[in-house]
Amino acid sequence: MATPKPSANPSSVKVEKGDTLWGIARDYLGSGTKYKQLLSLNPSVKYNESTRVAYLYTGQTIVLRKSGS
């Protein structure tokens, strides 16, 4: 998994093998519980509410914040 650079403040990130939405939220937004924020910004991410599984694909772009934020 890619580790964010402390000085980096990207608006999006590419999914790497082994990444999870929880992990991306933790690493880039400060808390894994912010995964729902990522879901709302990325409607193309398939999410199964009953199993809490987000289906991510290597190379997929995940938007971390709205443009201009």
PDB file of N, CA and C in Angstrom:
ATOM      1  N   MET A   1       0.827  -1.183   0.000  1.00  0.00           N
ATOM      2  CA  MET A   1       0.000   0.000   0.000  1.00  0.00           C
ATOM      3  C   MET A   1       0.867   1.241   0.000  1.00  0.00           C
ATOM      4  N   ALA A   2       0.387   2.231  -0.678  1.00  0.00           N
ATOM      5  CA  ALA A   2       1.122   3.492  -0.738  1.00  0.00           C
ATOM      6  C   ALA A   2       0.977   4.230   0.585  1.00  0.00           C
ATOM      7  N   THR A   3       2.082   4.715   1.088  1.00  0.00           N
ATOM      8  CA  THR A   3       2.063   5.518   2.297  1.00  0.00           C
ATOM      9  C   THR A   3       2.098   6.975   1.889  1.00  0.00           C
ATOM     10  N   PRO A   4       1.157   7.767   2.404  1.00  0.00           N
ATOM     11  CA  PRO A   4       1.146   9.171   2.000  1.00  0.00           C
ATOM     12  C   PRO A   4       2.362   9.911   2.520  1.00  0.00           C
ATOM     13  N   LYS A   5       2.851  10.843   1.735  1.00  0.00           N
ATOM     14  CA  LYS A   5       3.957  11.678   2.167  1.00  0.00           C
ATOM     15  C   LYS A   5       3.384  12.750   3.087  1.00  0.00           C
ATOM     16  N   PRO A   6       4.042  13.031   4.221  1.00  0.00           N
ATOM     17  CA  PRO A   6       3.498  13.999   5.170  1.00  0.00           C
ATOM     18  C   PRO A   6       3.172  15.352   4.549  1.00  0.00           C
ATOM     19  N   SER A   7       3.951  15.789   3.576  1.00  0.00           N
ATOM     20  CA  SER A   7       3.724  17.094   2.976  1.00  0.00           C
ATOM     21  C   SER A   7       2.687  17.054   1.851  1.00  0.00           C
ATOM     22  N   ALA A   8       2.318  15.853   1.448  1.00  0.00           N
ATOM     23  CA  ALA A   8       1.376  15.715   0.331  1.00  0.00           C
ATOM     24  C   ALA A   8      -0.057  15.931   0.807  1.00  0.00           C
ATOM     25  N   ASN A   9      -0.843  16.580  -0.033  1.00  0.00           N
ATOM     26  CA  ASN A   9      -2.254  16.794   0.240  1.00  0.00           C
ATOM     27  C   ASN A   9      -3.026  16.561  -1.056  1.00  0.00           C
ATOM     28  N   PRO A  10      -3.000  15.302  -1.546  1.00  0.00           N
ATOM     29  CA  PRO A  10      -3.607  15.025  -2.851  1.00  0.00           C
ATOM     30  C   PRO A  10      -5.128  15.117  -2.811  1.00  0.00           C
ATOM     31  N   SER A  11      -5.711  15.412  -3.955  1.00  0.00           N
ATOM     32  CA  SER A  11      -7.167  15.435  -4.048  1.00  0.00           C
ATOM     33  C   SER A  11      -7.713  14.079  -4.488  1.00  0.00           C
ATOM     34  N   SER A  12      -6.810  13.200  -4.938  1.00  0.00           N
ATOM     35  CA  SER A  12      -7.207  11.841  -5.308  1.00  0.00           C
ATOM     36  C   SER A  12      -6.007  10.910  -5.147  1.00  0.00           C
ATOM     37  N   VAL A  13      -6.290   9.623  -5.156  1.00  0.00           N
ATOM     38  CA  VAL A  13      -5.245   8.615  -5.005  1.00  0.00           C
ATOM     39  C   VAL A  13      -5.609   7.420  -5.884  1.00  0.00           C
ATOM     40  N   LYS A  14      -4.597   6.745  -6.414  1.00  0.00           N
ATOM     41  CA  LYS A  14      -4.814   5.521  -7.202  1.00  0.00           C
ATOM     42  C   LYS A  14      -4.772   4.324  -6.259  1.00  0.00           C
ATOM     43  N   VAL A  15      -5.725   3.427  -6.409  1.00  0.00           N
ATOM     44  CA  VAL A  15      -5.791   2.222  -5.598  1.00  0.00           C
ATOM     45  C   VAL A  15      -4.643   1.292  -5.982  1.00  0.00           C
ATOM     46  N   GLU A  16      -3.969   0.776  -4.965  1.00  0.00           N
ATOM     47  CA  GLU A  16      -2.922  -0.225  -5.156  1.00  0.00           C
ATOM     48  C   GLU A  16      -3.404  -1.548  -4.571  1.00  0.00           C
ATOM     49  N   LYS A  17      -2.794  -2.626  -4.984  1.00  0.00           N
ATOM     50  CA  LYS A  17      -3.170  -3.952  -4.498  1.00  0.00           C
ATOM     51  C   LYS A  17      -3.144  -3.950  -2.974  1.00  0.00           C
ATOM     52  N   GLY A  18      -4.208  -4.430  -2.381  1.00  0.00           N
ATOM     53  CA  GLY A  18      -4.296  -4.529  -0.927  1.00  0.00           C
ATOM     54  C   GLY A  18      -4.948  -3.335  -0.254  1.00  0.00           C
ATOM     55  N   ASP A  19      -5.201  -2.265  -1.005  1.00  0.00           N
ATOM     56  CA  ASP A  19      -5.833  -1.085  -0.419  1.00  0.00           C
ATOM     57  C   ASP A  19      -7.283  -1.382  -0.035  1.00  0.00           C
ATOM     58  N   THR A  20      -7.741  -0.713   1.014  1.00  0.00           N
ATOM     59  CA  THR A  20      -9.139  -0.767   1.425  1.00  0.00           C
ATOM     60  C   THR A  20      -9.641   0.662   1.555  1.00  0.00           C
ATOM     61  N   LEU A  21     -10.933   0.843   1.479  1.00  0.00           N
ATOM     62  CA  LEU A  21     -11.490   2.175   1.633  1.00  0.00           C
ATOM     63  C   LEU A  21     -11.220   2.704   3.042  1.00  0.00           C
ATOM     64  N   TRP A  22     -11.318   1.825   4.040  1.00  0.00           N
ATOM     65  CA  TRP A  22     -11.020   2.202   5.423  1.00  0.00           C
ATOM     66  C   TRP A  22      -9.567   2.673   5.526  1.00  0.00           C
ATOM     67  N   GLY A  23      -8.647   1.926   4.953  1.00  0.00           N
ATOM     68  CA  GLY A  23      -7.230   2.272   5.001  1.00  0.00           C
ATOM     69  C   GLY A  23      -6.926   3.581   4.295  1.00  0.00           C
ATOM     70  N   ILE A  24      -7.556   3.807   3.158  1.00  0.00           N
ATOM     71  CA  ILE A  24      -7.345   5.058   2.430  1.00  0.00           C
ATOM     72  C   ILE A  24      -7.866   6.226   3.268  1.00  0.00           C
ATOM     73  N   ALA A  25      -9.056   6.056   3.862  1.00  0.00           N
ATOM     74  CA  ALA A  25      -9.615   7.119   4.715  1.00  0.00           C
ATOM     75  C   ALA A  25      -8.696   7.382   5.909  1.00  0.00           C
ATOM     76  N   ARG A  26      -8.189   6.331   6.516  1.00  0.00           N
ATOM     77  CA  ARG A  26      -7.282   6.481   7.662  1.00  0.00           C
ATOM     78  C   ARG A  26      -6.009   7.218   7.268  1.00  0.00           C
ATOM     79  N   ASP A  27      -5.414   6.803   6.159  1.00  0.00           N
ATOM     80  CA  ASP A  27      -4.116   7.349   5.755  1.00  0.00           C
ATOM     81  C   ASP A  27      -4.195   8.774   5.213  1.00  0.00           C
ATOM     82  N   TYR A  28      -5.291   9.091   4.525  1.00  0.00           N
ATOM     83  CA  TYR A  28      -5.367  10.394   3.863  1.00  0.00           C
ATOM     84  C   TYR A  28      -6.326  11.380   4.525  1.00  0.00           C
ATOM     85  N   LEU A  29      -7.299  10.871   5.288  1.00  0.00           N
ATOM     86  CA  LEU A  29      -8.275  11.754   5.917  1.00  0.00           C
ATOM     87  C   LEU A  29      -8.167  11.759   7.443  1.00  0.00           C
ATOM     88  N   GLY A  30      -7.287  10.922   7.986  1.00  0.00           N
ATOM     89  CA  GLY A  30      -7.036  10.934   9.420  1.00  0.00           C
ATOM     90  C   GLY A  30      -7.833   9.944  10.244  1.00  0.00           C
ATOM     91  N   SER A  31      -8.840   9.292   9.652  1.00  0.00           N
ATOM     92  CA  SER A  31      -9.652   8.323  10.386  1.00  0.00           C
ATOM     93  C   SER A  31     -10.333   7.370   9.408  1.00  0.00           C
ATOM     94  N   GLY A  32     -10.245   6.092   9.705  1.00  0.00           N
ATOM     95  CA  GLY A  32     -10.900   5.094   8.869  1.00  0.00           C
ATOM     96  C   GLY A  32     -12.404   5.251   8.836  1.00  0.00           C
ATOM     97  N   THR A  33     -12.956   5.839   9.897  1.00  0.00           N
ATOM     98  CA  THR A  33     -14.410   6.020   9.947  1.00  0.00           C
ATOM     99  C   THR A  33     -14.908   7.007   8.899  1.00  0.00           C
ATOM    100  N   LYS A  34     -14.011   7.715   8.245  1.00  0.00           N
ATOM    101  CA  LYS A  34     -14.397   8.658   7.192  1.00  0.00           C
ATOM    102  C   LYS A  34     -14.579   7.963   5.836  1.00  0.00           C
ATOM    103  N   TYR A  35     -14.603   6.622   5.835  1.00  0.00           N
ATOM    104  CA  TYR A  35     -14.776   5.895   4.575  1.00  0.00           C
ATOM    105  C   TYR A  35     -16.108   6.264   3.911  1.00  0.00           C
ATOM    106  N   LYS A  36     -17.123   6.603   4.706  1.00  0.00           N
ATOM    107  CA  LYS A  36     -18.424   6.977   4.125  1.00  0.00           C
ATOM    108  C   LYS A  36     -18.315   8.276   3.340  1.00  0.00           C
ATOM    109  N   GLN A  37     -17.431   9.156   3.775  1.00  0.00           N
ATOM    110  CA  GLN A  37     -17.175  10.398   3.028  1.00  0.00           C
ATOM    111  C   GLN A  37     -16.619  10.040   1.654  1.00  0.00           C
ATOM    112  N   LEU A  38     -15.714   9.060   1.622  1.00  0.00           N
ATOM    113  CA  LEU A  38     -15.150   8.621   0.345  1.00  0.00           C
ATOM    114  C   LEU A  38     -16.214   7.976  -0.531  1.00  0.00           C
ATOM    115  N   LEU A  39     -17.118   7.217   0.078  1.00  0.00           N
ATOM    116  CA  LEU A  39     -18.199   6.610  -0.700  1.00  0.00           C
ATOM    117  C   LEU A  39     -19.062   7.674  -1.361  1.00  0.00           C
ATOM    118  N   SER A  40     -19.356   8.750  -0.645  1.00  0.00           N
ATOM    119  CA  SER A  40     -20.200   9.793  -1.226  1.00  0.00           C
ATOM    120  C   SER A  40     -19.487  10.550  -2.340  1.00  0.00           C
ATOM    121  N   LEU A  41     -18.165  10.650  -2.261  1.00  0.00           N
ATOM    122  CA  LEU A  41     -17.387  11.330  -3.299  1.00  0.00           C
ATOM    123  C   LEU A  41     -17.087  10.437  -4.501  1.00  0.00           C
ATOM    124  N   ASN A  42     -17.273   9.139  -4.326  1.00  0.00           N
ATOM    125  CA  ASN A  42     -16.919   8.167  -5.366  1.00  0.00           C
ATOM    126  C   ASN A  42     -18.091   7.228  -5.638  1.00  0.00           C
ATOM    127  N   PRO A  43     -19.129   7.715  -6.304  1.00  0.00           N
ATOM    128  CA  PRO A  43     -20.308   6.882  -6.539  1.00  0.00           C
ATOM    129  C   PRO A  43     -20.049   5.633  -7.390  1.00  0.00           C
ATOM    130  N   SER A  44     -18.916   5.589  -8.070  1.00  0.00           N
ATOM    131  CA  SER A  44     -18.610   4.401  -8.880  1.00  0.00           C
ATOM    132  C   SER A  44     -18.100   3.238  -8.020  1.00  0.00           C
ATOM    133  N   VAL A  45     -17.751   3.504  -6.759  1.00  0.00           N
ATOM    134  CA  VAL A  45     -17.297   2.427  -5.865  1.00  0.00           C
ATOM    135  C   VAL A  45     -18.520   1.617  -5.445  1.00  0.00           C
ATOM    136  N   LYS A  46     -18.471   0.330  -5.734  1.00  0.00           N
ATOM    137  CA  LYS A  46     -19.560  -0.552  -5.332  1.00  0.00           C
ATOM    138  C   LYS A  46     -19.377  -0.896  -3.860  1.00  0.00           C
ATOM    139  N   TYR A  47     -20.440  -0.756  -3.082  1.00  0.00           N
ATOM    140  CA  TYR A  47     -20.380  -0.995  -1.639  1.00  0.00           C
ATOM    141  C   TYR A  47     -21.569  -1.846  -1.226  1.00  0.00           C
ATOM    142  N   ASN A  48     -21.292  -2.939  -0.510  1.00  0.00           N
ATOM    143  CA  ASN A  48     -22.334  -3.813  -0.006  1.00  0.00           C
ATOM    144  C   ASN A  48     -22.591  -3.423   1.443  1.00  0.00           C
ATOM    145  N   GLU A  49     -23.714  -2.791   1.689  1.00  0.00           N
ATOM    146  CA  GLU A  49     -24.059  -2.282   3.023  1.00  0.00           C
ATOM    147  C   GLU A  49     -24.137  -3.396   4.064  1.00  0.00           C
ATOM    148  N   SER A  50     -24.689  -4.549   3.703  1.00  0.00           N
ATOM    149  CA  SER A  50     -24.871  -5.626   4.677  1.00  0.00           C
ATOM    150  C   SER A  50     -23.557  -6.266   5.102  1.00  0.00           C
ATOM    151  N   THR A  51     -22.592  -6.349   4.202  1.00  0.00           N
ATOM    152  CA  THR A  51     -21.302  -6.960   4.560  1.00  0.00           C
ATOM    153  C   THR A  51     -20.210  -5.926   4.796  1.00  0.00           C
ATOM    154  N   ARG A  52     -20.523  -4.645   4.510  1.00  0.00           N
ATOM    155  CA  ARG A  52     -19.573  -3.538   4.652  1.00  0.00           C
ATOM    156  C   ARG A  52     -18.316  -3.738   3.807  1.00  0.00           C
ATOM    157  N   VAL A  53     -18.519  -4.249   2.611  1.00  0.00           N
ATOM    158  CA  VAL A  53     -17.413  -4.479   1.698  1.00  0.00           C
ATOM    159  C   VAL A  53     -17.478  -3.463   0.559  1.00  0.00           C
ATOM    160  N   ALA A  54     -16.378  -2.751   0.358  1.00  0.00           N
ATOM    161  CA  ALA A  54     -16.246  -1.840  -0.786  1.00  0.00           C
ATOM    162  C   ALA A  54     -15.365  -2.540  -1.810  1.00  0.00           C
ATOM    163  N   TYR A  55     -15.815  -2.565  -3.038  1.00  0.00           N
ATOM    164  CA  TYR A  55     -15.078  -3.245  -4.093  1.00  0.00           C
ATOM    165  C   TYR A  55     -14.194  -2.240  -4.818  1.00  0.00           C
ATOM    166  N   LEU A  56     -12.886  -2.330  -4.542  1.00  0.00           N
ATOM    167  CA  LEU A  56     -11.892  -1.457  -5.162  1.00  0.00           C
ATOM    168  C   LEU A  56     -11.063  -2.263  -6.137  1.00  0.00           C
ATOM    169  N   TYR A  57     -10.572  -1.587  -7.157  1.00  0.00           N
ATOM    170  CA  TYR A  57      -9.778  -2.250  -8.177  1.00  0.00           C
ATOM    171  C   TYR A  57      -8.446  -1.532  -8.340  1.00  0.00           C
ATOM    172  N   THR A  58      -7.383  -2.293  -8.482  1.00  0.00           N
ATOM    173  CA  THR A  58      -6.054  -1.731  -8.683  1.00  0.00           C
ATOM    174  C   THR A  58      -6.092  -0.756  -9.853  1.00  0.00           C
ATOM    175  N   GLY A  59      -5.559   0.439  -9.618  1.00  0.00           N
ATOM    176  CA  GLY A  59      -5.531   1.468 -10.651  1.00  0.00           C
ATOM    177  C   GLY A  59      -6.728   2.406 -10.628  1.00  0.00           C
ATOM    178  N   GLN A  60      -7.745   2.048  -9.867  1.00  0.00           N
ATOM    179  CA  GLN A  60      -8.933   2.900  -9.742  1.00  0.00           C
ATOM    180  C   GLN A  60      -8.558   4.199  -9.032  1.00  0.00           C
ATOM    181  N   THR A  61      -9.129   5.304  -9.457  1.00  0.00           N
ATOM    182  CA  THR A  61      -8.884   6.590  -8.817  1.00  0.00           C
ATOM    183  C   THR A  61      -9.952   6.850  -7.770  1.00  0.00           C
ATOM    184  N   ILE A  62      -9.509   7.164  -6.555  1.00  0.00           N
ATOM    185  CA  ILE A  62     -10.412   7.506  -5.462  1.00  0.00           C
ATOM    186  C   ILE A  62     -10.254   8.995  -5.165  1.00  0.00           C
ATOM    187  N   VAL A  63     -11.360   9.722  -5.278  1.00  0.00           N
ATOM    188  CA  VAL A  63     -11.363  11.152  -4.975  1.00  0.00           C
ATOM    189  C   VAL A  63     -11.388  11.303  -3.463  1.00  0.00           C
ATOM    190  N   LEU A  64     -10.481  12.128  -2.925  1.00  0.00           N
ATOM    191  CA  LEU A  64     -10.369  12.310  -1.480  1.00  0.00           C
ATOM    192  C   LEU A  64     -11.141  13.523  -0.964  1.00  0.00           C
ATOM    193  N   ARG A  65     -11.331  14.509  -1.810  1.00  0.00           N
ATOM    194  CA  ARG A  65     -12.044  15.720  -1.398  1.00  0.00           C
ATOM    195  C   ARG A  65     -12.630  16.381  -2.634  1.00  0.00           C
ATOM    196  N   LYS A  66     -13.616  17.205  -2.415  1.00  0.00           N
ATOM    197  CA  LYS A  66     -14.224  17.943  -3.530  1.00  0.00           C
ATOM    198  C   LYS A  66     -13.200  18.907  -4.100  1.00  0.00           C
ATOM    199  N   SER A  67     -13.308  19.167  -5.365  1.00  0.00           N
ATOM    200  CA  SER A  67     -12.416  20.142  -6.008  1.00  0.00           C
ATOM    201  C   SER A  67     -12.517  21.472  -5.293  1.00  0.00           C
ATOM    202  N   GLY A  68     -11.361  22.081  -5.062  1.00  0.00           N
ATOM    203  CA  GLY A  68     -11.321  23.374  -4.404  1.00  0.00           C
ATOM    204  C   GLY A  68     -11.320  23.300  -2.896  1.00  0.00           C
ATOM    205  N   SER A  69     -11.386  22.079  -2.331  1.00  0.00           N
ATOM    206  CA  SER A  69     -11.393  21.929  -0.874  1.00  0.00           C
ATOM    207  C   SER A  69      -9.999  21.720  -0.330  1.00  0.00           C
TER     208      SER A  69
END
